[in-house]
PDB file of N, CA and C in Angstrom:
ATOM      1  N   MET A   1       0.852-118.613 138.032  1.00  0.00           N
ATOM      2  CA  MET A   1       1.185-117.567 137.103  1.00  0.00           C
ATOM      3  C   MET A   1       0.325-116.348 137.419  1.00  0.00           C
ATOM      4  N   ILE A   2       0.921-115.169 137.247  1.00  0.00           N
ATOM      5  CA  ILE A   2       0.245-113.907 137.534  1.00  0.00           C
ATOM      6  C   ILE A   2       0.086-113.126 136.234  1.00  0.00           C
ATOM      7  N   LEU A   3      -1.120-112.652 136.002  1.00  0.00           N
ATOM      8  CA  LEU A   3      -1.430-111.850 134.831  1.00  0.00           C
ATOM      9  C   LEU A   3      -1.374-110.371 135.195  1.00  0.00           C
ATOM     10  N   TYR A   4      -0.761-109.592 134.332  1.00  0.00           N
ATOM     11  CA  TYR A   4      -0.717-108.130 134.468  1.00  0.00           C
ATOM     12  C   TYR A   4      -1.129-107.565 133.123  1.00  0.00           C
ATOM     13  N   ALA A   5      -2.146-106.735 133.111  1.00  0.00           N
ATOM     14  CA  ALA A   5      -2.628-106.159 131.855  1.00  0.00           C
ATOM     15  C   ALA A   5      -2.748-104.656 132.000  1.00  0.00           C
ATOM     16  N   VAL A   6      -2.412-103.958 130.930  1.00  0.00           N
ATOM     17  CA  VAL A   6      -2.597-102.519 130.845  1.00  0.00           C
ATOM     18  C   VAL A   6      -3.504-102.275 129.652  1.00  0.00           C
ATOM     19  N   ILE A   7      -4.638-101.611 129.899  1.00  0.00           N
ATOM     20  CA  ILE A   7      -5.575-101.295 128.827  1.00  0.00           C
ATOM     21  C   ILE A   7      -5.570 -99.786 128.633  1.00  0.00           C
ATOM     22  N   ALA A   8      -5.216 -99.375 127.422  1.00  0.00           N
ATOM     23  CA  ALA A   8      -5.222 -97.955 127.073  1.00  0.00           C
ATOM     24  C   ALA A   8      -6.477 -97.664 126.258  1.00  0.00           C
ATOM     25  N   THR A   9      -7.160 -96.590 126.613  1.00  0.00           N
ATOM     26  CA  THR A   9      -8.291 -96.100 125.839  1.00  0.00           C
ATOM     27  C   THR A   9      -7.807 -94.864 125.102  1.00  0.00           C
ATOM     28  N   LEU A  10      -8.017 -94.863 123.776  1.00  0.00           N
ATOM     29  CA  LEU A  10      -7.424 -93.828 122.924  1.00  0.00           C
ATOM     30  C   LEU A  10      -8.513 -93.062 122.179  1.00  0.00           C
ATOM     31  N   PRO A  11      -8.297 -91.757 121.942  1.00  0.00           N
ATOM     32  CA  PRO A  11      -9.351 -90.926 121.371  1.00  0.00           C
ATOM     33  C   PRO A  11      -9.594 -91.091 119.871  1.00  0.00           C
ATOM     34  N   ASP A  12      -8.616 -91.629 119.125  1.00  0.00           N
ATOM     35  CA  ASP A  12      -8.816 -91.775 117.680  1.00  0.00           C
ATOM     36  C   ASP A  12      -7.943 -92.902 117.137  1.00  0.00           C
ATOM     37  N   GLU A  13      -8.253 -93.321 115.935  1.00  0.00           N
ATOM     38  CA  GLU A  13      -7.570 -94.473 115.327  1.00  0.00           C
ATOM     39  C   GLU A  13      -6.090 -94.197 115.072  1.00  0.00           C
ATOM     40  N   ALA A  14      -5.749 -92.985 114.666  1.00  0.00           N
ATOM     41  CA  ALA A  14      -4.340 -92.672 114.396  1.00  0.00           C
ATOM     42  C   ALA A  14      -3.505 -92.829 115.660  1.00  0.00           C
ATOM     43  N   LEU A  15      -4.019 -92.356 116.785  1.00  0.00           N
ATOM     44  CA  LEU A  15      -3.279 -92.479 118.040  1.00  0.00           C
ATOM     45  C   LEU A  15      -3.228 -93.936 118.492  1.00  0.00           C
ATOM     46  N   ARG A  16      -4.305 -94.673 118.249  1.00  0.00           N
ATOM     47  CA  ARG A  16      -4.298 -96.098 118.602  1.00  0.00           C
ATOM     48  C   ARG A  16      -3.216 -96.840 117.808  1.00  0.00           C
ATOM     49  N   GLU A  17      -3.091 -96.553 116.530  1.00  0.00           N
ATOM     50  CA  GLU A  17      -2.059 -97.190 115.710  1.00  0.00           C
ATOM     51  C   GLU A  17      -0.662 -96.827 116.209  1.00  0.00           C
ATOM     52  N   ARG A  18      -0.468 -95.558 116.545  1.00  0.00           N
ATOM     53  CA  ARG A  18       0.828 -95.110 117.050  1.00  0.00           C
ATOM     54  C   ARG A  18       1.170 -95.784 118.374  1.00  0.00           C
ATOM     55  N   TYR A  19       0.194 -95.890 119.256  1.00  0.00           N
ATOM     56  CA  TYR A  19       0.406 -96.520 120.554  1.00  0.00           C
ATOM     57  C   TYR A  19       0.744 -98.010 120.389  1.00  0.00           C
ATOM     58  N   ALA A  20      -0.027 -98.722 119.558  1.00  0.00           N
ATOM     59  CA  ALA A  20       0.239-100.149 119.335  1.00  0.00           C
ATOM     60  C   ALA A  20       1.628-100.345 118.737  1.00  0.00           C
ATOM     61  N   ALA A  21       2.017 -99.495 117.803  1.00  0.00           N
ATOM     62  CA  ALA A  21       3.356 -99.600 117.192  1.00  0.00           C
ATOM     63  C   ALA A  21       4.442 -99.356 118.231  1.00  0.00           C
ATOM     64  N   TRP A  22       4.216 -98.417 119.144  1.00  0.00           N
ATOM     65  CA  TRP A  22       5.193 -98.152 120.212  1.00  0.00           C
ATOM     66  C   TRP A  22       5.339 -99.374 121.119  1.00  0.00           C
ATOM     67  N   LEU A  23       4.201 -99.987 121.476  1.00  0.00           N
ATOM     68  CA  LEU A  23       4.260-101.186 122.315  1.00  0.00           C
ATOM     69  C   LEU A  23       5.071-102.283 121.635  1.00  0.00           C
ATOM     70  N   VAL A  24       4.709-102.601 120.409  1.00  0.00           N
ATOM     71  CA  VAL A  24       5.336-103.699 119.670  1.00  0.00           C
ATOM     72  C   VAL A  24       6.782-103.368 119.298  1.00  0.00           C
ATOM     73  N   GLY A  25       7.072-102.090 119.134  1.00  0.00           N
ATOM     74  CA  GLY A  25       8.393-101.667 118.703  1.00  0.00           C
ATOM     75  C   GLY A  25       9.457-101.638 119.780  1.00  0.00           C
ATOM     76  N   GLY A  26       9.137-102.049 120.996  1.00  0.00           N
ATOM     77  CA  GLY A  26      10.181-102.093 122.011  1.00  0.00           C
ATOM     78  C   GLY A  26       9.698-102.097 123.452  1.00  0.00           C
ATOM     79  N   HIS A  27       8.563-101.463 123.728  1.00  0.00           N
ATOM     80  CA  HIS A  27       8.101-101.384 125.116  1.00  0.00           C
ATOM     81  C   HIS A  27       7.831-102.771 125.699  1.00  0.00           C
ATOM     82  N   VAL A  28       7.108-103.595 124.959  1.00  0.00           N
ATOM     83  CA  VAL A  28       6.761-104.926 125.458  1.00  0.00           C
ATOM     84  C   VAL A  28       8.024-105.747 125.716  1.00  0.00           C
ATOM     85  N   GLN A  29       9.003-105.620 124.857  1.00  0.00           N
ATOM     86  CA  GLN A  29      10.247-106.350 125.038  1.00  0.00           C
ATOM     87  C   GLN A  29      10.967-105.898 126.312  1.00  0.00           C
ATOM     88  N   GLN A  30      10.850-104.620 126.645  1.00  0.00           N
ATOM     89  CA  GLN A  30      11.461-104.116 127.878  1.00  0.00           C
ATOM     90  C   GLN A  30      10.758-104.679 129.111  1.00  0.00           C
ATOM     91  N   VAL A  31       9.426-104.822 129.034  1.00  0.00           N
ATOM     92  CA  VAL A  31       8.706-105.430 130.157  1.00  0.00           C
ATOM     93  C   VAL A  31       9.139-106.889 130.318  1.00  0.00           C
ATOM     94  N   CYS A  32       9.309-107.592 129.208  1.00  0.00           N
ATOM     95  CA  CYS A  32       9.780-108.977 129.279  1.00  0.00           C
ATOM     96  C   CYS A  32      11.196-109.036 129.858  1.00  0.00           C
ATOM     97  N   ALA A  33      12.046-108.109 129.468  1.00  0.00           N
ATOM     98  CA  ALA A  33      13.399-108.059 130.040  1.00  0.00           C
ATOM     99  C   ALA A  33      13.345-107.773 131.533  1.00  0.00           C
ATOM    100  N   GLY A  34      12.283-107.102 131.984  1.00  0.00           N
ATOM    101  CA  GLY A  34      12.105-106.798 133.398  1.00  0.00           C
ATOM    102  C   GLY A  34      11.469-107.917 134.200  1.00  0.00           C
ATOM    103  N   GLY A  35      11.111-109.037 133.525  1.00  0.00           N
ATOM    104  CA  GLY A  35      10.608-110.171 134.285  1.00  0.00           C
ATOM    105  C   GLY A  35       9.401-110.902 133.739  1.00  0.00           C
ATOM    106  N   ALA A  36       8.679-110.319 132.795  1.00  0.00           N
ATOM    107  CA  ALA A  36       7.524-111.034 132.238  1.00  0.00           C
ATOM    108  C   ALA A  36       8.010-112.197 131.390  1.00  0.00           C
ATOM    109  N   SER A  37       7.309-113.331 131.479  1.00  0.00           N
ATOM    110  CA  SER A  37       7.705-114.502 130.701  1.00  0.00           C
ATOM    111  C   SER A  37       7.041-114.545 129.334  1.00  0.00           C
ATOM    112  N   ARG A  38       5.900-113.913 129.188  1.00  0.00           N
ATOM    113  CA  ARG A  38       5.169-113.851 127.920  1.00  0.00           C
ATOM    114  C   ARG A  38       4.426-112.536 127.847  1.00  0.00           C
ATOM    115  N   ALA A  39       4.118-112.120 126.614  1.00  0.00           N
ATOM    116  CA  ALA A  39       3.364-110.882 126.434  1.00  0.00           C
ATOM    117  C   ALA A  39       2.594-110.943 125.128  1.00  0.00           C
ATOM    118  N   SER A  40       1.517-110.187 125.075  1.00  0.00           N
ATOM    119  CA  SER A  40       0.774-110.020 123.829  1.00  0.00           C
ATOM    120  C   SER A  40       0.188-108.611 123.805  1.00  0.00           C
ATOM    121  N   VAL A  41      -0.022-108.122 122.610  1.00  0.00           N
ATOM    122  CA  VAL A  41      -0.651-106.812 122.404  1.00  0.00           C
ATOM    123  C   VAL A  41      -1.899-107.069 121.573  1.00  0.00           C
ATOM    124  N   VAL A  42      -3.041-106.555 122.051  1.00  0.00           N
ATOM    125  CA  VAL A  42      -4.321-106.821 121.409  1.00  0.00           C
ATOM    126  C   VAL A  42      -5.052-105.508 121.172  1.00  0.00           C
ATOM    127  N   LYS A  43      -5.433-105.254 119.918  1.00  0.00           N
ATOM    128  CA  LYS A  43      -6.354-104.157 119.633  1.00  0.00           C
ATOM    129  C   LYS A  43      -7.749-104.700 119.907  1.00  0.00           C
ATOM    130  N   LEU A  44      -8.376-104.188 120.943  1.00  0.00           N
ATOM    131  CA  LEU A  44      -9.681-104.695 121.343  1.00  0.00           C
ATOM    132  C   LEU A  44     -10.749-104.213 120.371  1.00  0.00           C
ATOM    133  N   ASP A  45     -11.712-105.077 120.102  1.00  0.00           N
ATOM    134  CA  ASP A  45     -12.809-104.730 119.208  1.00  0.00           C
ATOM    135  C   ASP A  45     -13.751-103.740 119.872  1.00  0.00           C
ATOM    136  N   GLY A  46     -14.494-103.017 119.040  1.00  0.00           N
ATOM    137  CA  GLY A  46     -15.565-102.154 119.518  1.00  0.00           C
ATOM    138  C   GLY A  46     -15.111-100.778 119.932  1.00  0.00           C
ATOM    139  N   GLN A  47     -16.031-100.089 120.556  1.00  0.00           N
ATOM    140  CA  GLN A  47     -15.819 -98.736 121.048  1.00  0.00           C
ATOM    141  C   GLN A  47     -15.899 -98.768 122.563  1.00  0.00           C
ATOM    142  N   PRO A  48     -15.148 -97.968 123.263  1.00  0.00           N
ATOM    143  CA  PRO A  48     -14.153 -97.026 122.765  1.00  0.00           C
ATOM    144  C   PRO A  48     -12.950 -97.761 122.180  1.00  0.00           C
ATOM    145  N   LEU A  49     -12.085 -97.026 121.513  1.00  0.00           N
ATOM    146  CA  LEU A  49     -10.873 -97.595 120.937  1.00  0.00           C
ATOM    147  C   LEU A  49      -9.905 -97.930 122.069  1.00  0.00           C
ATOM    148  N   ARG A  50      -9.513 -99.209 122.134  1.00  0.00           N
ATOM    149  CA  ARG A  50      -8.640 -99.647 123.221  1.00  0.00           C
ATOM    150  C   ARG A  50      -7.574-100.601 122.699  1.00  0.00           C
ATOM    151  N   VAL A  51      -6.458-100.624 123.420  1.00  0.00           N
ATOM    152  CA  VAL A  51      -5.372-101.577 123.174  1.00  0.00           C
ATOM    153  C   VAL A  51      -4.998-102.170 124.524  1.00  0.00           C
ATOM    154  N   MET A  52      -4.856-103.501 124.546  1.00  0.00           N
ATOM    155  CA  MET A  52      -4.464-104.174 125.777  1.00  0.00           C
ATOM    156  C   MET A  52      -3.074-104.782 125.596  1.00  0.00           C
ATOM    157  N   ALA A  53      -2.197-104.492 126.527  1.00  0.00           N
ATOM    158  CA  ALA A  53      -0.912-105.177 126.633  1.00  0.00           C
ATOM    159  C   ALA A  53      -1.049-106.148 127.794  1.00  0.00           C
ATOM    160  N   ARG A  54      -0.850-107.421 127.505  1.00  0.00           N
ATOM    161  CA  ARG A  54      -1.076-108.485 128.494  1.00  0.00           C
ATOM    162  C   ARG A  54       0.250-109.190 128.756  1.00  0.00           C
ATOM    163  N   TYR A  55       0.610-109.279 130.030  1.00  0.00           N
ATOM    164  CA  TYR A  55       1.890-109.865 130.427  1.00  0.00           C
ATOM    165  C   TYR A  55       1.650-110.993 131.417  1.00  0.00           C
ATOM    166  N   GLU A  56       2.503-112.006 131.352  1.00  0.00           N
ATOM    167  CA  GLU A  56       2.463-113.102 132.314  1.00  0.00           C
ATOM    168  C   GLU A  56       3.769-113.113 133.101  1.00  0.00           C
ATOM    169  N   PHE A  57       3.641-113.237 134.413  1.00  0.00           N
ATOM    170  CA  PHE A  57       4.784-113.348 135.317  1.00  0.00           C
ATOM    171  C   PHE A  57       4.682-114.688 136.029  1.00  0.00           C
ATOM    172  N   ALA A  58       5.811-115.350 136.232  1.00  0.00           N
ATOM    173  CA  ALA A  58       5.814-116.675 136.853  1.00  0.00           C
ATOM    174  C   ALA A  58       5.286-116.633 138.281  1.00  0.00           C
ATOM    175  N   THR A  59       5.587-115.542 138.998  1.00  0.00           N
ATOM    176  CA  THR A  59       5.178-115.436 140.402  1.00  0.00           C
ATOM    177  C   THR A  59       4.730-114.006 140.710  1.00  0.00           C
ATOM    178  N   ARG A  60       3.997-113.865 141.795  1.00  0.00           N
ATOM    179  CA  ARG A  60       3.611-112.524 142.238  1.00  0.00           C
ATOM    180  C   ARG A  60       4.850-111.719 142.625  1.00  0.00           C
ATOM    181  N   GLY A  61       5.847-112.379 143.203  1.00  0.00           N
ATOM    182  CA  GLY A  61       7.096-111.712 143.547  1.00  0.00           C
ATOM    183  C   GLY A  61       7.785-111.146 142.314  1.00  0.00           C
ATOM    184  N   GLY A  62       7.736-111.885 141.213  1.00  0.00           N
ATOM    185  CA  GLY A  62       8.316-111.394 139.966  1.00  0.00           C
ATOM    186  C   GLY A  62       7.608-110.154 139.470  1.00  0.00           C
ATOM    187  N   LEU A  63       6.286-110.146 139.570  1.00  0.00           N
ATOM    188  CA  LEU A  63       5.531-108.947 139.186  1.00  0.00           C
ATOM    189  C   LEU A  63       5.869-107.791 140.112  1.00  0.00           C
ATOM    190  N   GLU A  64       5.930-108.057 141.404  1.00  0.00           N
ATOM    191  CA  GLU A  64       6.239-106.990 142.361  1.00  0.00           C
ATOM    192  C   GLU A  64       7.625-106.402 142.117  1.00  0.00           C
ATOM    193  N   ARG A  65       8.602-107.253 141.781  1.00  0.00           N
ATOM    194  CA  ARG A  65       9.946-106.753 141.439  1.00  0.00           C
ATOM    195  C   ARG A  65       9.893-105.872 140.193  1.00  0.00           C
ATOM    196  N   TYR A  66       9.155-106.337 139.177  1.00  0.00           N
ATOM    197  CA  TYR A  66       9.009-105.526 137.964  1.00  0.00           C
ATOM    198  C   TYR A  66       8.393-104.163 138.308  1.00  0.00           C
ATOM    199  N   LEU A  67       7.309-104.179 139.082  1.00  0.00           N
ATOM    200  CA  LEU A  67       6.618-102.929 139.421  1.00  0.00           C
ATOM    201  C   LEU A  67       7.517-101.974 140.205  1.00  0.00           C
ATOM    202  N   ALA A  68       8.369-102.504 141.072  1.00  0.00           N
ATOM    203  CA  ALA A  68       9.245-101.665 141.886  1.00  0.00           C
ATOM    204  C   ALA A  68      10.473-101.184 141.121  1.00  0.00           C
ATOM    205  N   GLU A  69      11.054-102.059 140.299  1.00  0.00           N
ATOM    206  CA  GLU A  69      12.354-101.760 139.706  1.00  0.00           C
ATOM    207  C   GLU A  69      12.302-101.254 138.266  1.00  0.00           C
ATOM    208  N   HIS A  70      11.284-101.619 137.516  1.00  0.00           N
ATOM    209  CA  HIS A  70      11.260-101.288 136.091  1.00  0.00           C
ATOM    210  C   HIS A  70      10.063-100.422 135.679  1.00  0.00           C
ATOM    211  N   ALA A  71       8.912-100.672 136.270  1.00  0.00           N
ATOM    212  CA  ALA A  71       7.690 -99.985 135.845  1.00  0.00           C
ATOM    213  C   ALA A  71       7.772 -98.461 135.944  1.00  0.00           C
ATOM    214  N   PRO A  72       8.350 -97.885 136.990  1.00  0.00           N
ATOM    215  CA  PRO A  72       8.359 -96.411 137.045  1.00  0.00           C
ATOM    216  C   PRO A  72       9.017 -95.771 135.818  1.00  0.00           C
ATOM    217  N   ARG A  73      10.150 -96.304 135.383  1.00  0.00           N
ATOM    218  CA  ARG A  73      10.835 -95.752 134.214  1.00  0.00           C
ATOM    219  C   ARG A  73      10.015 -95.979 132.942  1.00  0.00           C
ATOM    220  N   LEU A  74       9.474 -97.184 132.780  1.00  0.00           N
ATOM    221  CA  LEU A  74       8.717 -97.490 131.570  1.00  0.00           C
ATOM    222  C   LEU A  74       7.410 -96.713 131.517  1.00  0.00           C
ATOM    223  N   ARG A  75       6.762 -96.531 132.659  1.00  0.00           N
ATOM    224  CA  ARG A  75       5.538 -95.713 132.685  1.00  0.00           C
ATOM    225  C   ARG A  75       5.843 -94.262 132.344  1.00  0.00           C
ATOM    226  N   ALA A  76       6.956 -93.757 132.844  1.00  0.00           N
ATOM    227  CA  ALA A  76       7.340 -92.369 132.535  1.00  0.00           C
ATOM    228  C   ALA A  76       7.571 -92.195 131.036  1.00  0.00           C
ATOM    229  N   GLU A  77       8.207 -93.178 130.414  1.00  0.00           N
ATOM    230  CA  GLU A  77       8.416 -93.115 128.964  1.00  0.00           C
ATOM    231  C   GLU A  77       7.078 -93.085 128.231  1.00  0.00           C
ATOM    232  N   GLY A  78       6.160 -93.933 128.649  1.00  0.00           N
ATOM    233  CA  GLY A  78       4.835 -93.972 128.030  1.00  0.00           C
ATOM    234  C   GLY A  78       4.068 -92.674 128.215  1.00  0.00           C
ATOM    235  N   LEU A  79       4.135 -92.121 129.422  1.00  0.00           N
ATOM    236  CA  LEU A  79       3.410 -90.871 129.680  1.00  0.00           C
ATOM    237  C   LEU A  79       4.015 -89.693 128.921  1.00  0.00           C
ATOM    238  N   ALA A  80       5.312 -89.740 128.652  1.00  0.00           N
ATOM    239  CA  ALA A  80       5.933 -88.677 127.860  1.00  0.00           C
ATOM    240  C   ALA A  80       5.366 -88.668 126.441  1.00  0.00           C
ATOM    241  N   LEU A  81       5.009 -89.833 125.933  1.00  0.00           N
ATOM    242  CA  LEU A  81       4.467 -89.945 124.574  1.00  0.00           C
ATOM    243  C   LEU A  81       2.944 -89.921 124.533  1.00  0.00           C
ATOM    244  N   PHE A  82       2.303 -90.461 125.556  1.00  0.00           N
ATOM    245  CA  PHE A  82       0.852 -90.656 125.549  1.00  0.00           C
ATOM    246  C   PHE A  82       0.240 -90.185 126.865  1.00  0.00           C
ATOM    247  N   GLY A  83       0.621 -88.991 127.290  1.00  0.00           N
ATOM    248  CA  GLY A  83       0.139 -88.444 128.551  1.00  0.00           C
ATOM    249  C   GLY A  83      -1.298 -87.972 128.481  1.00  0.00           C
ATOM    250  N   PRO A  84      -1.818 -87.497 129.600  1.00  0.00           N
ATOM    251  CA  PRO A  84      -3.217 -87.065 129.683  1.00  0.00           C
ATOM    252  C   PRO A  84      -3.602 -86.019 128.631  1.00  0.00           C
ATOM    253  N   GLU A  85      -2.646 -85.187 128.243  1.00  0.00           N
ATOM    254  CA  GLU A  85      -2.958 -84.144 127.258  1.00  0.00           C
ATOM    255  C   GLU A  85      -3.301 -84.728 125.884  1.00  0.00           C
ATOM    256  N   THR A  86      -2.934 -85.995 125.630  1.00  0.00           N
ATOM    257  CA  THR A  86      -3.259 -86.642 124.356  1.00  0.00           C
ATOM    258  C   THR A  86      -4.649 -87.264 124.369  1.00  0.00           C
ATOM    259  N   GLY A  87      -5.272 -87.339 125.547  1.00  0.00           N
ATOM    260  CA  GLY A  87      -6.586 -87.959 125.664  1.00  0.00           C
ATOM    261  C   GLY A  87      -6.540 -89.446 125.943  1.00  0.00           C
ATOM    262  N   VAL A  88      -5.341 -90.000 126.143  1.00  0.00           N
ATOM    263  CA  VAL A  88      -5.198 -91.424 126.433  1.00  0.00           C
ATOM    264  C   VAL A  88      -5.384 -91.652 127.932  1.00  0.00           C
ATOM    265  N   THR A  89      -6.135 -92.688 128.278  1.00  0.00           N
ATOM    266  CA  THR A  89      -6.271 -93.089 129.677  1.00  0.00           C
ATOM    267  C   THR A  89      -5.837 -94.549 129.809  1.00  0.00           C
ATOM    268  N   PHE A  90      -5.411 -94.923 131.005  1.00  0.00           N
ATOM    269  CA  PHE A  90      -4.883 -96.262 131.252  1.00  0.00           C
ATOM    270  C   PHE A  90      -5.606 -96.921 132.412  1.00  0.00           C
ATOM    271  N   GLU A  91      -5.793 -98.216 132.285  1.00  0.00           N
ATOM    272  CA  GLU A  91      -6.329 -99.048 133.363  1.00  0.00           C
ATOM    273  C   GLU A  91      -5.375-100.229 133.517  1.00  0.00           C
ATOM    274  N   ARG A  92      -5.052-100.576 134.738  1.00  0.00           N
ATOM    275  CA  ARG A  92      -4.166-101.714 135.007  1.00  0.00           C
ATOM    276  C   ARG A  92      -4.925-102.771 135.796  1.00  0.00           C
ATOM    277  N   LEU A  93      -4.729-104.024 135.403  1.00  0.00           N
ATOM    278  CA  LEU A  93      -5.382-105.153 136.050  1.00  0.00           C
ATOM    279  C   LEU A  93      -4.334-106.197 136.402  1.00  0.00           C
ATOM    280  N   THR A  94      -4.500-106.855 137.528  1.00  0.00           N
ATOM    281  CA  THR A  94      -3.647-107.987 137.897  1.00  0.00           C
ATOM    282  C   THR A  94      -4.529-109.111 138.399  1.00  0.00           C
ATOM    283  N   GLY A  95      -4.039-110.330 138.276  1.00  0.00           N
ATOM    284  CA  GLY A  95      -4.783-111.462 138.793  1.00  0.00           C
ATOM    285  C   GLY A  95      -3.989-112.741 138.685  1.00  0.00           C
ATOM    286  N   GLU A  96      -4.413-113.728 139.443  1.00  0.00           N
ATOM    287  CA  GLU A  96      -3.777-115.035 139.442  1.00  0.00           C
ATOM    288  C   GLU A  96      -4.477-115.939 138.437  1.00  0.00           C
ATOM    289  N   VAL A  97      -3.718-116.561 137.551  1.00  0.00           N
ATOM    290  CA  VAL A  97      -4.275-117.521 136.602  1.00  0.00           C
ATOM    291  C   VAL A  97      -4.547-118.815 137.355  1.00  0.00           C
ATOM    292  N   VAL A  98      -5.807-119.269 137.328  1.00  0.00           N
ATOM    293  CA  VAL A  98      -6.170-120.477 138.060  1.00  0.00           C
ATOM    294  C   VAL A  98      -6.403-121.664 137.140  1.00  0.00           C
ATOM    295  N   GLY A  99      -6.345-121.453 135.836  1.00  0.00           N
ATOM    296  CA  GLY A  99      -6.484-122.560 134.896  1.00  0.00           C
ATOM    297  C   GLY A  99      -6.175-122.094 133.491  1.00  0.00           C
ATOM    298  N   GLU A 100      -5.582-122.979 132.708  1.00  0.00           N
ATOM    299  CA  GLU A 100      -5.329-122.714 131.297  1.00  0.00           C
ATOM    300  C   GLU A 100      -5.786-123.923 130.514  1.00  0.00           C
ATOM    301  N   PHE A 101      -6.340-123.687 129.339  1.00  0.00           N
ATOM    302  CA  PHE A 101      -6.940-124.769 128.571  1.00  0.00           C
ATOM    303  C   PHE A 101      -6.554-124.629 127.106  1.00  0.00           C
ATOM    304  N   GLY A 102      -6.578-125.692 126.374  1.00  0.00           N
ATOM    305  CA  GLY A 102      -6.225-125.670 124.957  1.00  0.00           C
ATOM    306  C   GLY A 102      -4.797-126.104 124.745  1.00  0.00           C
ATOM    307  N   SER A 103      -4.371-125.996 123.487  1.00  0.00           N
ATOM    308  CA  SER A 103      -3.021-126.455 123.175  1.00  0.00           C
ATOM    309  C   SER A 103      -2.038-125.337 123.045  1.00  0.00           C
TER     310      SER A 103
END
């Protein structure tokens, strides 16, 4: 399984709430329609104010297909709402899950 995470750093609580609502209100579902098998949205504790969208893909090929075929459009939509002029910055992380534990 391949993990793909996007962490947004936001300048204030109002924008963080708006961003999280946008993710939950349809963006995450579009990423799942593009190939992710699971997703979660997490308001990270502490400062700076951050929100993480975490996606799981069955294979690296599935993630690569998503990045090539779906991500450009979805990123453009996000930047139209939360572009650099809003003070939001983004970090993207990928990695291979090597173990899962618990029920």
